[in-house]
């Protein structure tokens, strides 16, 4: 008898939360699709699948999935290179790969990715997203990638100043951006409607009421927008570029989803995320999105946080938000055609600015300079190359940084003055520290007996062991007495040089 009232309370809370998430997700689904260069309806399709399919699966109980700003740049590049019909095949393949990774238990390993690389990835995405949407803000075509977009900004400013249509669209977009910035500061009672929806709605009313000549979202119809991939599209995946795109979709979507899950877990005290299960749920969702020719999905922290803050209790809120998106797309699709593109661009400019956490960079620089360098290099690499290559650069730099820091080694030299010199090697002796280590050893006197104490070396790799042996042999050839090497009993410390001489 006591369970029914609790279940009823949960249902009421989930129903309310689902409406809030729907209102937050609606403009973002449309905006991400438009920015990705695909029909607006495909953004709604991905949001619907994220709610009705992924939302119903176990894994993370309260996080919400859908099209994400973090994949906008990569999707735009994929559509430009391979065409819209092939997008479904790319997304489907990425989804299958995610399911396979979940079955192999790789979900938990995504937590081992350097946080600096992830933050750099998001910052790079944010910079490219902002630079591209500045063109949409003025109803101007984007010149392409992040670097080209940045280079073209002076020309954009000049062209907009000389175009009445450009100035009108820019004014509307800046007005939308102003509403987004000021919305959190208005009284709480007026904030029942989420800021993005309110800003887009006000911009749409202004454009219609004033009869502004600005670009609107192009509407093709939900069923017409859905294009399942065929055999020819899957044949396009055999190229190295397509396979790299599939891998990028899978890895970036997985990382963003699982990092989002970790963040959402800190927002509530309910069941914790099962990472491998959540990875498979995301994979199933992307597989369905691929079959429908829609955008790839990830878990989205903005929608997920809204879901938790609105009081959601179970997965029902996620499923219901997908149902509301489906009803909107089916019953009032014509509403999309009156939305100004500049208003959606303003929403995405704000979303991109949240990805570029400028305020967090300076404290990171002061406390962990190496991490700050990894973050900055990853972001710049994404802007100057592309998403996949930029992330690879960041991961490589993070590995090198970690290897450098963990290979810390130093020498303690005990010189009694005229007798045998004792040199103790402390720390982790690896090839990365060999130049400095050998410089210090070469500076020791060659006409004095010497003990090389390796008993306190935590790790000695093969390269360092061979180099120390070679140094000892050179010292013996030039010095008065052979080097005496002291080391731990077993070979468990790695390869160490044999005593050079008696």
Protein backbone atom coordinates (compact mmCIF):
# COMPACT_ATOMS: atom_id res chain seq x y z
CA UNK A 1 0.00 0.00 0.00
CA UNK A 2 2.93 2.32 0.67
CA UNK A 3 4.60 1.68 -2.71
CA UNK A 4 1.76 3.09 -4.79
CA UNK A 5 1.93 6.65 -3.38
CA UNK A 6 5.74 6.61 -3.83
CA UNK A 7 5.37 5.41 -7.41
CA UNK A 8 2.76 8.10 -8.04
CA UNK A 9 5.10 10.76 -6.62
CA UNK A 10 7.91 9.51 -8.84
CA UNK A 11 5.66 9.61 -11.89
CA UNK A 12 4.57 13.18 -11.17
CA UNK A 13 8.19 14.25 -10.65
CA UNK A 14 9.32 12.48 -13.81
CA UNK A 15 6.47 14.00 -15.82
CA UNK A 16 7.37 17.52 -14.70
CA UNK A 17 11.09 16.93 -15.32
CA UNK A 18 10.41 15.51 -18.79
CA UNK A 19 8.60 18.69 -19.83
CA UNK A 20 11.51 20.82 -18.63
CA UNK A 21 14.03 18.67 -20.50
CA UNK A 22 11.85 18.76 -23.63
CA UNK A 23 11.79 22.56 -23.57
CA UNK A 24 15.60 22.67 -23.10
CA UNK A 25 16.26 20.04 -25.77
CA UNK A 26 13.94 21.38 -28.50
CA UNK A 27 15.97 24.44 -29.64
CA UNK A 28 19.26 22.61 -29.14
CA UNK A 29 18.20 19.63 -31.28
CA UNK A 30 17.20 21.97 -34.10
CA UNK A 31 20.24 24.22 -33.72
CA UNK A 32 22.77 21.37 -33.70
CA UNK A 33 21.20 19.91 -36.85
CA UNK A 34 21.29 23.22 -38.72
CA UNK A 35 24.89 23.87 -37.64
CA UNK A 36 25.84 20.35 -38.77
CA UNK A 37 24.59 21.04 -42.28
CA UNK A 38 21.68 18.57 -42.18
CA UNK A 39 17.88 19.01 -42.15
CA UNK A 40 16.56 20.32 -38.85
CA UNK A 41 14.24 17.31 -38.53
CA UNK A 42 17.24 14.98 -38.15
CA UNK A 43 18.18 16.72 -34.92
CA UNK A 44 14.71 15.97 -33.60
CA UNK A 45 15.01 12.35 -34.75
CA UNK A 46 18.22 11.93 -32.75
CA UNK A 47 16.59 13.52 -29.72
CA UNK A 48 13.60 11.20 -30.06
CA UNK A 49 15.84 8.13 -30.27
CA UNK A 50 17.87 9.41 -27.33
CA UNK A 51 14.69 9.54 -25.26
CA UNK A 52 12.64 6.57 -26.42
CA UNK A 53 15.50 4.09 -27.05
CA UNK A 54 18.58 5.04 -25.04
CA UNK A 55 16.43 6.55 -22.30
CA UNK A 56 14.67 3.21 -21.77
CA UNK A 57 17.91 1.23 -21.46
CA UNK A 58 19.86 0.71 -18.22
CA UNK A 59 23.21 2.29 -17.54
CA UNK A 60 22.86 5.82 -16.19
CA UNK A 61 19.51 6.46 -14.61
CA UNK A 62 19.07 10.21 -15.08
CA UNK A 63 21.35 11.48 -17.85
CA UNK A 64 19.67 12.50 -21.12
CA UNK A 65 20.97 11.78 -24.62
CA UNK A 66 20.55 13.58 -27.92
CA UNK A 67 22.47 15.50 -30.58
CA UNK A 68 25.34 17.39 -28.97
CA UNK A 69 27.19 20.56 -29.85
CA UNK A 70 30.41 18.65 -29.19
CA UNK A 71 29.99 16.61 -32.38
CA UNK A 72 28.72 19.43 -34.60
CA UNK A 73 32.08 20.17 -36.18
CA UNK A 74 32.88 16.52 -36.87
CA UNK A 75 29.42 15.87 -38.37
CA UNK A 76 29.68 18.96 -40.59
CA UNK A 77 33.07 17.80 -41.88
CA UNK A 78 31.73 14.27 -42.48
CA UNK A 79 28.71 15.54 -44.43
CA UNK A 80 30.94 17.83 -46.49
CA UNK A 81 33.36 14.99 -47.32
CA UNK A 82 31.10 11.95 -47.71
CA UNK A 83 27.62 13.41 -48.29
CA UNK A 84 24.42 13.29 -46.24
CA UNK A 85 23.35 9.77 -47.39
CA UNK A 86 26.58 8.28 -45.97
CA UNK A 87 26.09 9.90 -42.58
CA UNK A 88 23.71 7.13 -41.49
CA UNK A 89 26.26 4.44 -42.34
CA UNK A 90 28.96 6.28 -40.38
CA UNK A 91 26.74 6.71 -37.32
CA UNK A 92 25.47 3.12 -37.46
CA UNK A 93 29.04 1.76 -37.63
CA UNK A 94 30.07 3.95 -34.71
CA UNK A 95 27.11 2.65 -32.70
CA UNK A 96 28.05 -0.97 -33.38
CA UNK A 97 31.61 -0.18 -32.31
CA UNK A 98 30.32 1.36 -29.07
CA UNK A 99 28.27 -1.76 -28.33
CA UNK A 100 31.33 -3.92 -28.95
CA UNK A 101 33.44 -1.75 -26.63
CA UNK A 102 30.81 -2.06 -23.93
CA UNK A 103 30.66 -5.84 -24.29
CA UNK A 104 34.46 -5.98 -24.00
CA UNK A 105 34.32 -4.00 -20.76
CA UNK A 106 36.09 -0.92 -22.12
CA UNK A 107 33.63 1.58 -20.68
CA UNK A 108 35.47 2.05 -17.41
CA UNK A 109 38.73 2.74 -19.26
CA UNK A 110 37.35 5.98 -20.65
CA UNK A 111 37.77 7.37 -17.15
CA UNK A 112 41.54 7.03 -17.64
CA UNK A 113 41.58 9.66 -20.41
CA UNK A 114 43.41 12.80 -19.35
CA UNK A 115 40.96 15.44 -18.15
CA UNK A 116 43.15 18.07 -19.84
CA UNK A 117 42.68 16.33 -23.20
CA UNK A 118 38.90 16.25 -22.72
CA UNK A 119 38.79 19.90 -21.68
CA UNK A 120 41.04 20.80 -24.61
CA UNK A 121 38.80 18.82 -26.95
CA UNK A 122 35.73 20.69 -25.70
CA UNK A 123 37.54 24.04 -25.92
CA UNK A 124 38.63 23.31 -29.49
CA UNK A 125 35.10 22.28 -30.42
CA UNK A 126 33.78 25.44 -28.80
CA UNK A 127 36.18 27.69 -30.72
CA UNK A 128 35.35 26.06 -34.06
CA UNK A 129 31.63 26.12 -33.26
CA UNK A 130 31.67 29.80 -32.32
CA UNK A 131 33.72 30.82 -35.35
CA UNK A 132 31.36 28.94 -37.69
CA UNK A 133 28.18 30.24 -36.07
CA UNK A 134 29.32 33.85 -36.31
CA UNK A 135 28.68 33.51 -40.05
CA UNK A 136 25.21 32.06 -39.45
CA UNK A 137 24.59 34.92 -37.03
CA UNK A 138 24.85 37.28 -40.02
CA UNK A 139 23.13 34.97 -42.56
CA UNK A 140 26.47 34.46 -44.34
CA UNK A 141 27.88 31.14 -45.64
CA UNK A 142 30.70 29.65 -43.56
CA UNK A 143 34.00 29.23 -45.45
CA UNK A 144 34.68 25.79 -43.97
CA UNK A 145 36.94 24.55 -41.17
CA UNK A 146 37.91 26.32 -37.98
CA UNK A 147 41.08 27.97 -39.28
CA UNK A 148 39.40 29.17 -42.49
CA UNK A 149 36.48 30.53 -40.47
CA UNK A 150 38.82 32.47 -38.19
CA UNK A 151 40.75 33.88 -41.13
CA UNK A 152 37.53 35.02 -42.79
CA UNK A 153 36.20 37.00 -39.83
CA UNK A 154 37.54 40.38 -41.05
CA UNK A 155 35.85 39.84 -44.41
CA UNK A 156 32.66 38.79 -42.62
CA UNK A 157 32.64 42.04 -40.63
CA UNK A 158 33.11 44.10 -43.79
CA UNK A 159 30.45 42.21 -45.75
CA UNK A 160 27.95 42.42 -42.88
CA UNK A 161 28.48 46.18 -42.51
CA UNK A 162 27.65 46.64 -46.18
CA UNK A 163 24.59 44.38 -46.28
CA UNK A 164 21.17 45.38 -44.96
CA UNK A 165 20.13 41.72 -44.66
CA UNK A 166 23.35 40.88 -42.82
CA UNK A 167 22.89 43.75 -40.37
CA UNK A 168 19.28 42.73 -39.71
CA UNK A 169 20.20 39.11 -39.06
CA UNK A 170 23.12 40.15 -36.84
CA UNK A 171 20.90 42.45 -34.80
CA UNK A 172 18.37 39.66 -34.33
CA UNK A 173 21.11 37.20 -33.37
CA UNK A 174 22.74 39.60 -30.92
CA UNK A 175 19.34 40.28 -29.38
CA UNK A 176 18.84 36.53 -28.94
CA UNK A 177 22.28 36.28 -27.35
CA UNK A 178 21.45 39.13 -24.98
CA UNK A 179 18.30 37.31 -23.83
CA UNK A 180 20.34 34.15 -23.21
CA UNK A 181 22.91 36.03 -21.12
CA UNK A 182 20.35 38.01 -19.11
CA UNK A 183 17.79 35.22 -18.65
CA UNK A 184 19.39 33.70 -15.51
CA UNK A 185 19.23 37.13 -13.83
CA UNK A 186 15.49 37.66 -14.13
CA UNK A 187 13.18 36.68 -11.24
CA UNK A 188 12.93 32.96 -10.64
CA UNK A 189 9.16 32.93 -11.22
CA UNK A 190 9.70 34.10 -14.80
CA UNK A 191 12.29 31.41 -15.47
CA UNK A 192 9.83 28.55 -15.77
CA UNK A 193 10.60 28.56 -19.49
CA UNK A 194 14.24 27.60 -20.21
CA UNK A 195 16.43 30.42 -21.54
CA UNK A 196 17.21 28.91 -24.99
CA UNK A 197 13.53 28.30 -25.73
CA UNK A 198 12.53 31.76 -24.52
CA UNK A 199 15.27 33.44 -26.56
CA UNK A 200 14.39 31.56 -29.77
CA UNK A 201 10.67 32.15 -29.24
CA UNK A 202 11.18 35.90 -28.72
CA UNK A 203 13.42 36.13 -31.79
CA UNK A 204 10.87 34.23 -33.87
CA UNK A 205 8.04 36.52 -32.73
CA UNK A 206 10.16 39.59 -33.50
CA UNK A 207 11.07 38.32 -36.97
CA UNK A 208 7.45 37.49 -37.79
CA UNK A 209 5.91 40.56 -36.18
CA UNK A 210 8.33 43.01 -37.83
CA UNK A 211 8.43 41.12 -41.12
CA UNK A 212 12.23 40.87 -41.04
CA UNK A 213 13.93 39.52 -44.14
CA UNK A 214 16.21 36.94 -42.52
CA UNK A 215 16.94 33.28 -43.27
CA UNK A 216 14.59 30.74 -41.70
CA UNK A 217 15.08 27.05 -40.93
CA UNK A 218 14.41 24.96 -44.03
CA UNK A 219 11.70 22.33 -43.46
CA UNK A 220 11.53 19.13 -45.49
CA UNK A 221 9.17 17.02 -43.36
CA UNK A 222 10.08 14.36 -40.83
CA UNK A 223 9.58 11.36 -43.11
CA UNK A 224 11.34 13.03 -46.04
CA UNK A 225 14.35 13.88 -43.85
CA UNK A 226 14.81 10.27 -42.69
CA UNK A 227 17.07 8.51 -45.22
CA UNK A 228 18.17 5.01 -44.16
CA UNK A 229 21.60 4.15 -45.63
CA UNK A 230 21.84 1.61 -48.43
CA UNK A 231 24.53 -0.75 -49.67
CA UNK A 232 26.32 1.96 -51.61
CA UNK A 233 26.71 4.08 -48.48
CA UNK A 234 28.26 1.18 -46.56
CA UNK A 235 30.66 0.60 -49.44
CA UNK A 236 31.90 4.17 -48.89
CA UNK A 237 33.14 3.13 -45.44
CA UNK A 238 36.00 1.10 -46.88
CA UNK A 239 38.23 4.17 -47.25
CA UNK A 240 40.71 5.19 -44.56
CA UNK A 241 39.02 8.58 -44.14
CA UNK A 242 35.61 7.05 -43.48
CA UNK A 243 37.03 4.53 -41.01
CA UNK A 244 38.80 7.35 -39.18
CA UNK A 245 35.51 9.25 -38.98
CA UNK A 246 33.71 6.19 -37.57
CA UNK A 247 36.43 5.79 -34.95
CA UNK A 248 36.25 9.49 -34.09
CA UNK A 249 32.45 9.35 -33.76
CA UNK A 250 32.65 6.31 -31.47
CA UNK A 251 35.50 7.49 -29.25
CA UNK A 252 34.42 11.12 -28.86
CA UNK A 253 30.74 10.25 -28.33
CA UNK A 254 31.70 7.58 -25.80
CA UNK A 255 34.10 9.83 -23.91
CA UNK A 256 31.63 12.71 -23.78
CA UNK A 257 28.80 10.41 -22.63
CA UNK A 258 30.80 8.71 -19.89
CA UNK A 259 32.30 11.94 -18.61
CA UNK A 260 28.78 13.35 -18.54
CA UNK A 261 27.65 10.29 -16.58
CA UNK A 262 30.37 10.88 -13.99
CA UNK A 263 29.27 14.52 -13.66
CA UNK A 264 25.58 13.61 -13.37
CA UNK A 265 26.35 11.03 -10.68
CA UNK A 266 27.71 13.87 -8.56
CA UNK A 267 24.41 15.74 -8.90
CA UNK A 268 22.16 13.11 -7.32
CA UNK A 269 22.27 10.36 -4.71
CA UNK A 270 20.45 7.70 -6.75
CA UNK A 271 21.90 4.62 -8.47
CA UNK A 272 25.41 5.06 -9.87
CA UNK A 273 26.21 4.69 -13.55
CA UNK A 274 27.30 1.28 -14.85
CA UNK A 275 29.79 2.46 -17.42
CA UNK A 276 29.93 -0.58 -19.69
CA UNK A 277 26.14 -0.83 -19.70
CA UNK A 278 25.79 2.88 -20.45
CA UNK A 279 28.31 2.58 -23.28
CA UNK A 280 26.21 -0.21 -24.82
CA UNK A 281 23.04 1.88 -24.39
CA UNK A 282 24.69 4.77 -26.24
CA UNK A 283 25.81 2.32 -28.93
CA UNK A 284 22.29 0.96 -29.39
CA UNK A 285 20.97 4.51 -29.68
CA UNK A 286 23.55 5.44 -32.31
CA UNK A 287 22.86 2.24 -34.21
CA UNK A 288 19.17 3.20 -34.42
CA UNK A 289 20.11 6.78 -35.37
CA UNK A 290 22.29 5.38 -38.13
CA UNK A 291 19.48 3.21 -39.45
CA UNK A 292 17.34 6.35 -39.69
CA UNK A 293 20.12 8.43 -41.29
CA UNK A 294 20.12 10.83 -38.32
CA UNK A 295 22.81 12.63 -36.32
CA UNK A 296 25.03 10.80 -33.81
CA UNK A 297 24.05 11.12 -30.18
CA UNK A 298 25.84 11.54 -26.89
CA UNK A 299 24.73 12.12 -23.35
CA UNK A 300 24.39 15.88 -22.94
CA UNK A 301 25.28 17.47 -19.61
CA UNK A 302 23.00 20.51 -20.10
CA UNK A 303 19.88 18.38 -20.56
CA UNK A 304 20.99 15.90 -17.93
CA UNK A 305 21.57 18.60 -15.31
CA UNK A 306 18.17 20.11 -16.15
CA UNK A 307 16.62 16.67 -15.67
CA UNK A 308 18.17 16.23 -12.21
CA UNK A 309 17.45 19.79 -11.10
CA UNK A 310 13.82 19.44 -12.20
CA UNK A 311 13.41 16.56 -9.74
CA UNK A 312 13.52 13.48 -11.98
CA UNK A 313 13.51 10.17 -10.11
CA UNK A 314 13.65 7.42 -12.73
CA UNK A 315 14.36 6.72 -16.40
CA UNK A 316 10.73 7.58 -17.18
CA UNK A 317 11.59 11.29 -17.45
CA UNK A 318 14.05 10.56 -20.27
CA UNK A 319 11.55 8.43 -22.16
CA UNK A 320 8.78 11.00 -21.77
CA UNK A 321 11.00 13.82 -23.06
CA UNK A 322 11.54 11.73 -26.21
CA UNK A 323 7.80 11.26 -26.52
CA UNK A 324 7.19 15.04 -26.35
CA UNK A 325 9.81 15.59 -29.08
CA UNK A 326 8.05 12.97 -31.24
CA UNK A 327 4.65 14.60 -30.76
CA UNK A 328 6.08 18.02 -31.61
CA UNK A 329 7.78 16.74 -34.78
CA UNK A 330 4.64 14.84 -35.86
CA UNK A 331 1.95 17.37 -34.99
CA UNK A 332 3.46 20.83 -35.61
CA UNK A 333 6.44 20.39 -37.95
CA UNK A 334 5.60 23.66 -39.69
CA UNK A 335 6.68 25.55 -36.57
CA UNK A 336 10.30 24.89 -37.54
CA UNK A 337 10.00 26.90 -40.73
CA UNK A 338 9.45 30.23 -38.95
CA UNK A 339 12.53 30.02 -36.70
CA UNK A 340 15.32 32.43 -37.77
CA UNK A 341 18.68 30.76 -38.39
CA UNK A 342 20.40 33.68 -36.62
CA UNK A 343 18.50 32.89 -33.42
CA UNK A 344 19.67 29.27 -33.45
CA UNK A 345 23.21 30.46 -34.20
CA UNK A 346 23.07 32.62 -31.07
CA UNK A 347 22.05 29.59 -28.98
CA UNK A 348 25.02 27.64 -30.33
CA UNK A 349 27.43 30.55 -29.82
CA UNK A 350 26.45 30.53 -26.16
CA UNK A 351 26.78 26.74 -26.04
CA UNK A 352 30.23 27.00 -27.61
CA UNK A 353 31.31 29.66 -25.11
CA UNK A 354 30.47 27.29 -22.28
CA UNK A 355 32.82 24.72 -23.78
CA UNK A 356 35.71 27.22 -23.77
CA UNK A 357 36.32 27.56 -20.03
CA UNK A 358 38.63 30.58 -20.05
CA UNK A 359 38.21 31.24 -16.33
CA UNK A 360 39.40 27.73 -15.45
CA UNK A 361 42.56 28.00 -17.56
CA UNK A 362 44.51 30.53 -15.48
CA UNK A 363 44.16 28.60 -12.17
CA UNK A 364 45.14 25.43 -14.04
CA UNK A 365 48.21 27.22 -15.47
CA UNK A 366 49.28 28.29 -11.99
CA UNK A 367 48.79 24.90 -10.35
CA UNK A 368 49.42 22.34 -13.13
CA UNK A 369 51.30 24.02 -15.96
CA UNK A 370 51.83 20.77 -17.88
CA UNK A 371 48.09 20.04 -17.88
CA UNK A 372 47.39 23.56 -19.11
CA UNK A 373 49.82 23.05 -22.00
CA UNK A 374 48.09 19.78 -22.96
CA UNK A 375 44.71 21.55 -22.88
CA UNK A 376 45.88 24.47 -25.02
CA UNK A 377 47.73 22.32 -27.56
CA UNK A 378 44.71 19.99 -27.95
CA UNK A 379 42.37 22.94 -28.54
CA UNK A 380 44.71 24.61 -31.05
CA UNK A 381 45.32 21.32 -32.87
CA UNK A 382 41.57 20.85 -33.33
CA UNK A 383 41.18 24.40 -34.64
CA UNK A 384 44.09 24.10 -37.09
CA UNK A 385 43.54 20.49 -38.27
CA UNK A 386 40.36 18.60 -37.44
CA UNK A 387 38.66 16.90 -34.52
CA UNK A 388 40.21 13.45 -34.83
CA UNK A 389 43.78 14.57 -35.45
CA UNK A 390 43.55 17.21 -32.74
CA UNK A 391 42.44 14.68 -30.12
CA UNK A 392 45.22 12.30 -31.17
CA UNK A 393 47.77 15.09 -30.75
CA UNK A 394 46.38 15.83 -27.29
CA UNK A 395 46.45 12.17 -26.22
CA UNK A 396 50.03 11.76 -27.46
CA UNK A 397 51.15 14.89 -25.63
CA UNK A 398 49.41 13.73 -22.43
CA UNK A 399 51.18 10.36 -22.60
CA UNK A 400 54.56 12.03 -23.17
CA UNK A 401 53.92 14.45 -20.30
CA UNK A 402 52.97 11.62 -17.93
CA UNK A 403 55.99 9.57 -18.98
CA UNK A 404 58.27 12.56 -18.43
CA UNK A 405 56.84 13.29 -14.98
CA UNK A 406 56.92 9.67 -13.80
CA UNK A 407 60.50 9.20 -15.01
CA UNK A 408 61.88 11.61 -12.43
CA UNK A 409 65.41 10.61 -11.42
CA UNK A 410 68.27 12.35 -9.65
CA UNK A 411 71.73 11.59 -8.32
CA UNK A 412 73.11 11.90 -4.80
CA UNK A 413 76.88 12.20 -4.84
CA UNK A 414 78.81 11.47 -1.62
CA UNK A 415 82.42 12.59 -1.91
CA UNK A 416 84.51 12.08 1.25
CA UNK A 417 87.35 14.03 -0.36
CA UNK A 418 90.09 11.88 -1.75
CA UNK A 419 88.50 8.46 -1.18
CA UNK A 420 85.86 6.43 -2.99
CA UNK A 421 82.98 8.43 -4.38
CA UNK A 422 79.47 7.02 -3.86
CA UNK A 423 76.79 7.90 -6.44
CA UNK A 424 73.21 6.94 -5.56
CA UNK A 425 70.58 6.89 -8.32
CA UNK A 426 67.08 7.68 -6.98
CA UNK A 427 63.69 7.54 -8.73
CA UNK A 428 62.73 6.09 -12.12
CA UNK A 429 65.63 5.84 -14.57
CA UNK A 430 64.18 5.76 -18.10
CA UNK A 431 65.36 6.79 -21.56
CA UNK A 432 63.56 10.13 -21.23
CA UNK A 433 65.99 11.26 -18.51
CA UNK A 434 69.16 9.77 -19.96
CA UNK A 435 70.71 12.97 -21.38
CA UNK A 436 70.71 14.75 -18.02
CA UNK A 437 71.66 11.59 -16.09
CA UNK A 438 74.64 10.86 -18.32
CA UNK A 439 75.78 14.50 -18.24
CA UNK A 440 75.97 14.30 -14.45
CA UNK A 441 77.87 11.01 -14.53
CA UNK A 442 80.31 12.25 -17.16
CA UNK A 443 81.13 15.22 -14.93
CA UNK A 444 82.46 12.94 -12.13
CA UNK A 445 86.24 12.63 -11.65
CA UNK A 446 87.80 9.83 -13.72
CA UNK A 447 90.84 9.33 -11.49
CA UNK A 448 88.95 8.26 -8.37
CA UNK A 449 87.32 4.93 -7.39
CA UNK A 450 83.54 5.06 -7.62
CA UNK A 451 80.50 3.14 -6.30
CA UNK A 452 77.29 3.32 -8.41
CA UNK A 453 74.42 2.51 -6.02
CA UNK A 454 71.24 1.39 -7.82
CA UNK A 455 69.49 -0.12 -4.82
CA UNK A 456 67.03 2.75 -4.49
CA UNK A 457 66.03 2.94 -8.16
CA UNK A 458 62.30 2.21 -8.39
CA UNK A 459 62.43 1.40 -12.10
CA UNK A 460 65.31 0.99 -14.54
CA UNK A 461 64.32 0.44 -18.15
CA UNK A 462 66.44 -1.37 -20.71
CA UNK A 463 67.74 1.80 -22.38
CA UNK A 464 68.87 3.29 -19.07
CA UNK A 465 70.49 0.00 -18.01
CA UNK A 466 72.46 -0.29 -21.24
CA UNK A 467 73.53 3.37 -21.04
CA UNK A 468 74.77 3.00 -17.45
CA UNK A 469 76.75 -0.11 -18.42
CA UNK A 470 78.31 1.75 -21.35
CA UNK A 471 79.23 4.66 -19.09
CA UNK A 472 80.83 2.31 -16.55
CA UNK A 473 82.87 0.64 -19.27
CA UNK A 474 84.10 4.01 -20.56
CA UNK A 475 85.00 5.07 -17.01
CA UNK A 476 86.95 1.83 -16.49
CA UNK A 477 88.86 2.32 -19.70
CA UNK A 478 89.92 5.83 -18.69
CA UNK A 479 89.99 5.71 -14.89
CA UNK A 480 92.29 4.20 -12.26
CA UNK A 481 89.85 1.70 -10.74
CA UNK A 482 86.74 -0.09 -12.04
CA UNK A 483 83.29 1.12 -11.15
CA UNK A 484 81.61 -0.97 -8.47
CA UNK A 485 77.87 -1.33 -8.99
CA UNK A 486 75.55 -2.00 -6.05
CA UNK A 487 72.02 -3.09 -6.78
CA UNK A 488 68.99 -4.92 -5.36
CA UNK A 489 69.12 -8.69 -5.19
CA UNK A 490 66.64 -9.69 -7.86
CA UNK A 491 66.15 -8.72 -11.44
CA UNK A 492 62.64 -7.54 -10.64
CA UNK A 493 63.76 -3.96 -10.99
CA UNK A 494 64.39 -4.37 -14.67
CA UNK A 495 67.57 -4.80 -16.67
CA UNK A 496 70.61 -3.49 -14.80
CA UNK A 497 74.24 -3.37 -15.89
CA UNK A 498 76.58 -5.99 -14.63
CA UNK A 499 79.44 -4.73 -12.46
CA UNK A 500 82.03 -3.37 -14.79
CA UNK A 501 85.20 -5.00 -13.57
CA UNK A 502 85.99 -6.78 -10.28
